[in-house]
Amino acid sequence: MNYKIIHELSKNQIDELFELYKNEWWTNTRNKKEIEVMLNNSQVIIGIENKNKQLIGFSRVLTDYVYKAFIFDVIIHKKYRKEKLGKLLMDTILNHPDLNSVKNFELYCLEEMKSFYEKWGFNHNLKNLVFMRKD
């Protein structure tokens, strides 16, 4: 495999994450300073780098290590999306040794991504739960 899982980002890779974010509608308003704060406050960081150490995939997890782990920002560079790197990210998160005791993993996604996440047992049948947000 020409890809490596990493758990910390170099300064260059933080810049590359910023570029990845700029190309997605759901992250294109993020700035570098806030991204650095976000990285410092995320309990689990999973990156994928290519043989040139370029960041080509990323995700992060916020967790209490017991009841909940919320997966955020599953993102793969457009050039590498046919390489099954999203699967590599998800497998790495769900098998991460620090998250072995977590009872519930959660995430939110667009409708067209439901079938991707269902492969790991995620479902949207949450009975009476409602997703809410305060901006």
N, C-alpha and C. Protein backbone atom coordinates (compact mmCIF):
# COMPACT_ATOMS: atom_id res chain seq x y z
N MET A 1 0.85 -1.18 0.00
CA MET A 1 0.00 0.00 0.00
C MET A 1 0.89 1.24 0.00
N ASN A 2 0.54 2.20 -0.78
CA ASN A 2 1.30 3.45 -0.85
C ASN A 2 0.74 4.51 0.09
N TYR A 3 -0.08 4.09 1.06
CA TYR A 3 -0.70 5.03 1.97
C TYR A 3 -0.35 4.65 3.40
N LYS A 4 -0.28 5.67 4.26
CA LYS A 4 0.07 5.44 5.66
C LYS A 4 -0.94 6.17 6.54
N ILE A 5 -1.37 5.49 7.60
CA ILE A 5 -2.24 6.10 8.60
C ILE A 5 -1.36 6.91 9.55
N ILE A 6 -1.80 8.13 9.84
CA ILE A 6 -1.08 8.98 10.80
C ILE A 6 -2.07 9.50 11.84
N HIS A 7 -1.54 9.90 13.00
CA HIS A 7 -2.39 10.38 14.09
C HIS A 7 -2.04 11.81 14.51
N GLU A 8 -1.06 12.39 13.85
CA GLU A 8 -0.70 13.80 14.04
C GLU A 8 -0.41 14.38 12.68
N LEU A 9 -0.68 15.66 12.53
CA LEU A 9 -0.45 16.32 11.26
C LEU A 9 0.74 17.28 11.38
N SER A 10 1.58 17.26 10.38
CA SER A 10 2.67 18.23 10.29
C SER A 10 2.08 19.59 9.91
N LYS A 11 2.90 20.63 9.98
CA LYS A 11 2.44 21.96 9.57
C LYS A 11 1.98 21.94 8.12
N ASN A 12 2.74 21.28 7.25
CA ASN A 12 2.33 21.18 5.84
C ASN A 12 1.00 20.44 5.70
N GLN A 13 0.82 19.40 6.49
CA GLN A 13 -0.43 18.63 6.42
C GLN A 13 -1.61 19.42 6.95
N ILE A 14 -1.38 20.31 7.91
CA ILE A 14 -2.47 21.19 8.36
C ILE A 14 -2.87 22.12 7.22
N ASP A 15 -1.89 22.61 6.48
CA ASP A 15 -2.20 23.43 5.30
C ASP A 15 -2.97 22.61 4.26
N GLU A 16 -2.59 21.34 4.09
CA GLU A 16 -3.28 20.47 3.13
C GLU A 16 -4.70 20.15 3.60
N LEU A 17 -4.89 20.02 4.91
CA LEU A 17 -6.24 19.83 5.44
C LEU A 17 -7.09 21.06 5.15
N PHE A 18 -6.52 22.24 5.33
CA PHE A 18 -7.22 23.48 5.00
C PHE A 18 -7.66 23.46 3.53
N GLU A 19 -6.79 23.00 2.65
CA GLU A 19 -7.12 22.92 1.22
C GLU A 19 -8.23 21.89 0.98
N LEU A 20 -8.16 20.74 1.66
CA LEU A 20 -9.24 19.75 1.53
C LEU A 20 -10.57 20.36 1.96
N TYR A 21 -10.55 21.07 3.08
CA TYR A 21 -11.77 21.70 3.58
C TYR A 21 -12.30 22.76 2.62
N LYS A 22 -11.43 23.52 1.99
CA LYS A 22 -11.87 24.57 1.07
C LYS A 22 -12.64 24.02 -0.12
N ASN A 23 -12.45 22.76 -0.45
CA ASN A 23 -13.07 22.17 -1.62
C ASN A 23 -14.39 21.45 -1.33
N GLU A 24 -14.87 21.53 -0.12
CA GLU A 24 -16.13 20.87 0.25
C GLU A 24 -17.12 21.91 0.75
N TRP A 25 -18.37 21.77 0.35
CA TRP A 25 -19.39 22.74 0.74
C TRP A 25 -19.59 22.82 2.25
N TRP A 26 -19.38 21.71 2.94
CA TRP A 26 -19.67 21.65 4.37
C TRP A 26 -18.51 22.13 5.23
N THR A 27 -17.36 22.41 4.63
CA THR A 27 -16.20 22.87 5.42
C THR A 27 -15.49 24.06 4.79
N ASN A 28 -16.04 24.62 3.74
CA ASN A 28 -15.30 25.63 2.98
C ASN A 28 -15.20 27.00 3.66
N THR A 29 -15.83 27.18 4.80
CA THR A 29 -15.70 28.46 5.52
C THR A 29 -14.72 28.38 6.69
N ARG A 30 -14.10 27.24 6.88
CA ARG A 30 -13.15 27.08 8.00
C ARG A 30 -11.85 27.82 7.69
N ASN A 31 -11.24 28.34 8.75
CA ASN A 31 -9.96 29.02 8.56
C ASN A 31 -8.86 28.28 9.31
N LYS A 32 -7.62 28.58 8.97
CA LYS A 32 -6.48 27.83 9.51
C LYS A 32 -6.38 27.93 11.03
N LYS A 33 -6.59 29.09 11.57
CA LYS A 33 -6.48 29.25 13.03
C LYS A 33 -7.50 28.36 13.75
N GLU A 34 -8.74 28.38 13.30
CA GLU A 34 -9.78 27.53 13.91
C GLU A 34 -9.48 26.05 13.70
N ILE A 35 -8.93 25.69 12.55
CA ILE A 35 -8.57 24.29 12.29
C ILE A 35 -7.51 23.83 13.28
N GLU A 36 -6.54 24.67 13.58
CA GLU A 36 -5.51 24.30 14.55
C GLU A 36 -6.11 24.08 15.93
N VAL A 37 -7.03 24.95 16.34
CA VAL A 37 -7.72 24.78 17.63
C VAL A 37 -8.52 23.47 17.61
N MET A 38 -9.23 23.22 16.52
CA MET A 38 -10.02 22.00 16.37
C MET A 38 -9.13 20.76 16.53
N LEU A 39 -7.99 20.75 15.85
CA LEU A 39 -7.08 19.61 15.93
C LEU A 39 -6.57 19.40 17.35
N ASN A 40 -6.27 20.47 18.05
CA ASN A 40 -5.77 20.37 19.43
C ASN A 40 -6.83 19.87 20.40
N ASN A 41 -8.10 19.95 20.01
CA ASN A 41 -9.17 19.57 20.92
C ASN A 41 -9.96 18.35 20.45
N SER A 42 -9.48 17.66 19.46
CA SER A 42 -10.10 16.41 19.02
C SER A 42 -9.34 15.26 19.65
N GLN A 43 -10.05 14.33 20.26
CA GLN A 43 -9.38 13.25 20.98
C GLN A 43 -8.66 12.28 20.05
N VAL A 44 -9.26 11.98 18.91
CA VAL A 44 -8.66 11.03 17.96
C VAL A 44 -8.60 11.69 16.59
N ILE A 45 -7.41 11.68 16.01
CA ILE A 45 -7.20 12.21 14.67
C ILE A 45 -6.67 11.08 13.81
N ILE A 46 -7.28 10.90 12.66
CA ILE A 46 -6.84 9.89 11.71
C ILE A 46 -6.58 10.60 10.39
N GLY A 47 -5.36 10.50 9.92
CA GLY A 47 -5.03 11.04 8.62
C GLY A 47 -4.50 9.94 7.73
N ILE A 48 -4.58 10.14 6.45
CA ILE A 48 -3.97 9.24 5.48
C ILE A 48 -3.02 10.08 4.64
N GLU A 49 -1.77 9.64 4.57
CA GLU A 49 -0.81 10.33 3.73
C GLU A 49 -0.36 9.41 2.61
N ASN A 50 0.00 10.01 1.47
CA ASN A 50 0.51 9.21 0.37
C ASN A 50 2.03 9.07 0.53
N LYS A 51 2.68 8.45 -0.43
CA LYS A 51 4.12 8.19 -0.31
C LYS A 51 4.93 9.47 -0.25
N ASN A 52 4.36 10.60 -0.68
CA ASN A 52 5.03 11.90 -0.61
C ASN A 52 4.70 12.65 0.67
N LYS A 53 4.03 11.97 1.61
CA LYS A 53 3.61 12.55 2.90
C LYS A 53 2.54 13.64 2.75
N GLN A 54 1.88 13.67 1.59
CA GLN A 54 0.76 14.59 1.38
C GLN A 54 -0.47 14.03 2.07
N LEU A 55 -1.20 14.88 2.80
CA LEU A 55 -2.43 14.47 3.44
C LEU A 55 -3.51 14.31 2.39
N ILE A 56 -4.04 13.09 2.25
CA ILE A 56 -5.06 12.84 1.23
C ILE A 56 -6.37 12.34 1.83
N GLY A 57 -6.37 12.09 3.13
CA GLY A 57 -7.59 11.67 3.82
C GLY A 57 -7.53 12.10 5.27
N PHE A 58 -8.71 12.32 5.85
CA PHE A 58 -8.75 12.82 7.23
C PHE A 58 -10.10 12.53 7.86
N SER A 59 -10.07 12.28 9.16
CA SER A 59 -11.27 12.26 9.98
C SER A 59 -10.84 12.50 11.42
N ARG A 60 -11.81 12.79 12.25
CA ARG A 60 -11.52 13.01 13.66
C ARG A 60 -12.69 12.53 14.50
N VAL A 61 -12.42 12.30 15.78
CA VAL A 61 -13.43 11.78 16.68
C VAL A 61 -13.41 12.58 17.98
N LEU A 62 -14.59 12.95 18.43
CA LEU A 62 -14.78 13.51 19.77
C LEU A 62 -15.47 12.45 20.60
N THR A 63 -14.96 12.21 21.80
CA THR A 63 -15.48 11.09 22.58
C THR A 63 -15.31 11.27 24.08
N ASP A 64 -16.11 10.52 24.84
CA ASP A 64 -15.91 10.39 26.28
C ASP A 64 -15.25 9.04 26.59
N TYR A 65 -14.95 8.26 25.56
CA TYR A 65 -14.28 6.96 25.64
C TYR A 65 -15.12 5.86 26.30
N VAL A 66 -16.38 6.15 26.61
CA VAL A 66 -17.24 5.13 27.22
C VAL A 66 -18.57 5.02 26.46
N TYR A 67 -19.34 6.09 26.46
CA TYR A 67 -20.69 6.03 25.93
C TYR A 67 -20.78 6.48 24.47
N LYS A 68 -20.08 7.53 24.12
CA LYS A 68 -20.27 8.13 22.80
C LYS A 68 -18.93 8.46 22.15
N ALA A 69 -18.92 8.26 20.86
CA ALA A 69 -17.83 8.75 20.01
C ALA A 69 -18.49 9.31 18.75
N PHE A 70 -18.25 10.57 18.50
CA PHE A 70 -18.86 11.22 17.35
C PHE A 70 -17.80 11.41 16.28
N ILE A 71 -18.05 10.83 15.11
CA ILE A 71 -17.11 10.88 14.00
C ILE A 71 -17.42 12.12 13.15
N PHE A 72 -16.38 12.89 12.90
CA PHE A 72 -16.52 14.12 12.11
C PHE A 72 -15.56 14.11 10.93
N ASP A 73 -15.93 14.86 9.91
CA ASP A 73 -15.02 15.27 8.83
C ASP A 73 -14.39 14.12 8.06
N VAL A 74 -15.14 13.10 7.76
CA VAL A 74 -14.60 12.03 6.91
C VAL A 74 -14.43 12.62 5.51
N ILE A 75 -13.17 12.78 5.10
CA ILE A 75 -12.90 13.48 3.85
C ILE A 75 -11.71 12.84 3.14
N ILE A 76 -11.87 12.65 1.85
CA ILE A 76 -10.81 12.09 1.00
C ILE A 76 -10.58 13.06 -0.15
N HIS A 77 -9.33 13.31 -0.46
CA HIS A 77 -8.96 14.16 -1.61
C HIS A 77 -9.65 13.60 -2.85
N LYS A 78 -10.23 14.48 -3.66
CA LYS A 78 -11.01 14.05 -4.84
C LYS A 78 -10.22 13.12 -5.76
N LYS A 79 -8.95 13.34 -5.89
CA LYS A 79 -8.11 12.53 -6.78
C LYS A 79 -8.00 11.07 -6.31
N TYR A 80 -8.26 10.81 -5.01
CA TYR A 80 -8.06 9.48 -4.43
C TYR A 80 -9.36 8.79 -4.04
N ARG A 81 -10.50 9.29 -4.45
CA ARG A 81 -11.77 8.76 -3.97
C ARG A 81 -12.11 7.37 -4.49
N LYS A 82 -11.45 6.91 -5.50
CA LYS A 82 -11.71 5.55 -6.02
C LYS A 82 -10.79 4.52 -5.38
N GLU A 83 -9.97 4.91 -4.40
CA GLU A 83 -8.96 4.05 -3.81
C GLU A 83 -9.43 3.34 -2.53
N LYS A 84 -10.70 3.47 -2.18
CA LYS A 84 -11.27 2.86 -0.97
C LYS A 84 -10.64 3.40 0.32
N LEU A 85 -10.23 4.66 0.27
CA LEU A 85 -9.62 5.26 1.45
C LEU A 85 -10.64 5.68 2.49
N GLY A 86 -11.87 5.95 2.07
CA GLY A 86 -12.94 6.20 3.05
C GLY A 86 -13.16 4.96 3.90
N LYS A 87 -13.11 3.80 3.29
CA LYS A 87 -13.22 2.53 4.02
C LYS A 87 -12.05 2.39 5.00
N LEU A 88 -10.86 2.73 4.54
CA LEU A 88 -9.68 2.66 5.41
C LEU A 88 -9.85 3.59 6.62
N LEU A 89 -10.33 4.80 6.40
CA LEU A 89 -10.57 5.72 7.51
C LEU A 89 -11.57 5.15 8.51
N MET A 90 -12.71 4.68 8.00
CA MET A 90 -13.75 4.15 8.90
C MET A 90 -13.26 2.92 9.64
N ASP A 91 -12.60 2.00 8.96
CA ASP A 91 -12.08 0.81 9.63
C ASP A 91 -11.07 1.19 10.72
N THR A 92 -10.24 2.17 10.43
CA THR A 92 -9.24 2.61 11.40
C THR A 92 -9.90 3.23 12.63
N ILE A 93 -10.92 4.03 12.41
CA ILE A 93 -11.63 4.64 13.54
C ILE A 93 -12.31 3.57 14.38
N LEU A 94 -13.07 2.71 13.74
CA LEU A 94 -13.87 1.74 14.50
C LEU A 94 -13.03 0.66 15.16
N ASN A 95 -11.79 0.51 14.74
CA ASN A 95 -10.88 -0.46 15.36
C ASN A 95 -9.77 0.21 16.17
N HIS A 96 -9.89 1.50 16.38
CA HIS A 96 -8.87 2.24 17.12
C HIS A 96 -8.83 1.73 18.57
N PRO A 97 -7.65 1.40 19.08
CA PRO A 97 -7.57 0.82 20.44
C PRO A 97 -8.10 1.75 21.53
N ASP A 98 -8.00 3.06 21.37
CA ASP A 98 -8.52 3.97 22.39
C ASP A 98 -10.04 4.02 22.40
N LEU A 99 -10.68 3.49 21.34
CA LEU A 99 -12.14 3.55 21.23
C LEU A 99 -12.81 2.20 21.42
N ASN A 100 -12.05 1.20 21.84
CA ASN A 100 -12.60 -0.16 21.99
C ASN A 100 -13.77 -0.25 22.97
N SER A 101 -13.81 0.60 23.98
CA SER A 101 -14.86 0.51 25.01
C SER A 101 -16.08 1.36 24.70
N VAL A 102 -16.04 2.12 23.62
CA VAL A 102 -17.15 3.02 23.31
C VAL A 102 -18.39 2.22 22.91
N LYS A 103 -19.52 2.55 23.52
CA LYS A 103 -20.77 1.82 23.25
C LYS A 103 -21.46 2.29 21.96
N ASN A 104 -21.44 3.59 21.66
CA ASN A 104 -22.15 4.12 20.50
C ASN A 104 -21.28 5.07 19.70
N PHE A 105 -21.13 4.76 18.43
CA PHE A 105 -20.50 5.67 17.48
C PHE A 105 -21.60 6.39 16.72
N GLU A 106 -21.42 7.67 16.51
CA GLU A 106 -22.42 8.45 15.82
C GLU A 106 -21.77 9.34 14.77
N LEU A 107 -22.55 9.70 13.78
CA LEU A 107 -22.12 10.63 12.75
C LEU A 107 -23.35 11.14 12.05
N TYR A 108 -23.18 12.17 11.28
CA TYR A 108 -24.26 12.59 10.39
C TYR A 108 -23.69 12.77 9.00
N CYS A 109 -24.55 12.54 8.02
CA CYS A 109 -24.10 12.57 6.63
C CYS A 109 -25.26 12.96 5.72
N LEU A 110 -24.90 13.22 4.48
CA LEU A 110 -25.92 13.50 3.47
C LEU A 110 -26.65 12.20 3.11
N GLU A 111 -27.84 12.35 2.62
CA GLU A 111 -28.67 11.21 2.21
C GLU A 111 -27.90 10.25 1.30
N GLU A 112 -27.15 10.79 0.33
CA GLU A 112 -26.46 9.91 -0.64
C GLU A 112 -25.29 9.14 -0.03
N MET A 113 -24.91 9.46 1.21
CA MET A 113 -23.81 8.74 1.86
C MET A 113 -24.30 7.67 2.83
N LYS A 114 -25.61 7.56 3.02
CA LYS A 114 -26.15 6.58 3.98
C LYS A 114 -25.67 5.17 3.68
N SER A 115 -25.72 4.75 2.43
CA SER A 115 -25.34 3.36 2.11
C SER A 115 -23.87 3.11 2.39
N PHE A 116 -23.02 4.12 2.26
CA PHE A 116 -21.60 3.96 2.59
C PHE A 116 -21.45 3.61 4.07
N TYR A 117 -22.09 4.36 4.96
CA TYR A 117 -21.95 4.15 6.40
C TYR A 117 -22.72 2.93 6.91
N GLU A 118 -23.76 2.55 6.21
CA GLU A 118 -24.52 1.36 6.61
C GLU A 118 -23.65 0.10 6.57
N LYS A 119 -22.59 0.09 5.79
CA LYS A 119 -21.69 -1.07 5.72
C LYS A 119 -21.06 -1.38 7.07
N TRP A 120 -20.98 -0.40 7.96
CA TRP A 120 -20.41 -0.60 9.30
C TRP A 120 -21.50 -0.71 10.36
N GLY A 121 -22.74 -0.82 9.95
CA GLY A 121 -23.83 -0.97 10.90
C GLY A 121 -24.49 0.33 11.34
N PHE A 122 -24.10 1.45 10.76
CA PHE A 122 -24.79 2.70 11.08
C PHE A 122 -26.18 2.66 10.46
N ASN A 123 -27.14 3.22 11.18
CA ASN A 123 -28.49 3.29 10.62
C ASN A 123 -29.12 4.62 11.03
N HIS A 124 -30.19 4.95 10.38
CA HIS A 124 -30.86 6.21 10.67
C HIS A 124 -32.19 5.99 11.39
N ASN A 125 -32.43 4.78 11.86
CA ASN A 125 -33.64 4.48 12.61
C ASN A 125 -33.40 4.86 14.08
N LEU A 126 -33.60 6.12 14.39
CA LEU A 126 -33.32 6.61 15.74
C LEU A 126 -34.60 6.87 16.53
N LYS A 127 -35.68 6.23 16.11
CA LYS A 127 -36.98 6.32 16.75
C LYS A 127 -37.41 7.77 16.88
N ASN A 128 -37.47 8.31 18.08
CA ASN A 128 -37.99 9.66 18.27
C ASN A 128 -36.92 10.73 18.36
N LEU A 129 -35.67 10.38 18.12
CA LEU A 129 -34.60 11.38 18.20
C LEU A 129 -34.67 12.35 17.04
N VAL A 130 -34.37 13.59 17.31
CA VAL A 130 -34.37 14.63 16.30
C VAL A 130 -33.01 15.32 16.32
N PHE A 131 -32.41 15.48 15.18
CA PHE A 131 -31.17 16.23 15.08
C PHE A 131 -31.48 17.71 15.22
N MET A 132 -30.79 18.38 16.14
CA MET A 132 -31.03 19.79 16.38
C MET A 132 -29.71 20.53 16.36
N ARG A 133 -29.77 21.82 16.01
CA ARG A 133 -28.57 22.64 15.95
C ARG A 133 -28.92 24.06 16.35
N LYS A 134 -28.01 24.68 17.07
CA LYS A 134 -28.13 26.10 17.38
C LYS A 134 -26.92 26.80 16.76
N ASP A 135 -27.15 27.74 15.90
CA ASP A 135 -26.07 28.52 15.29
C ASP A 135 -25.89 29.83 16.03
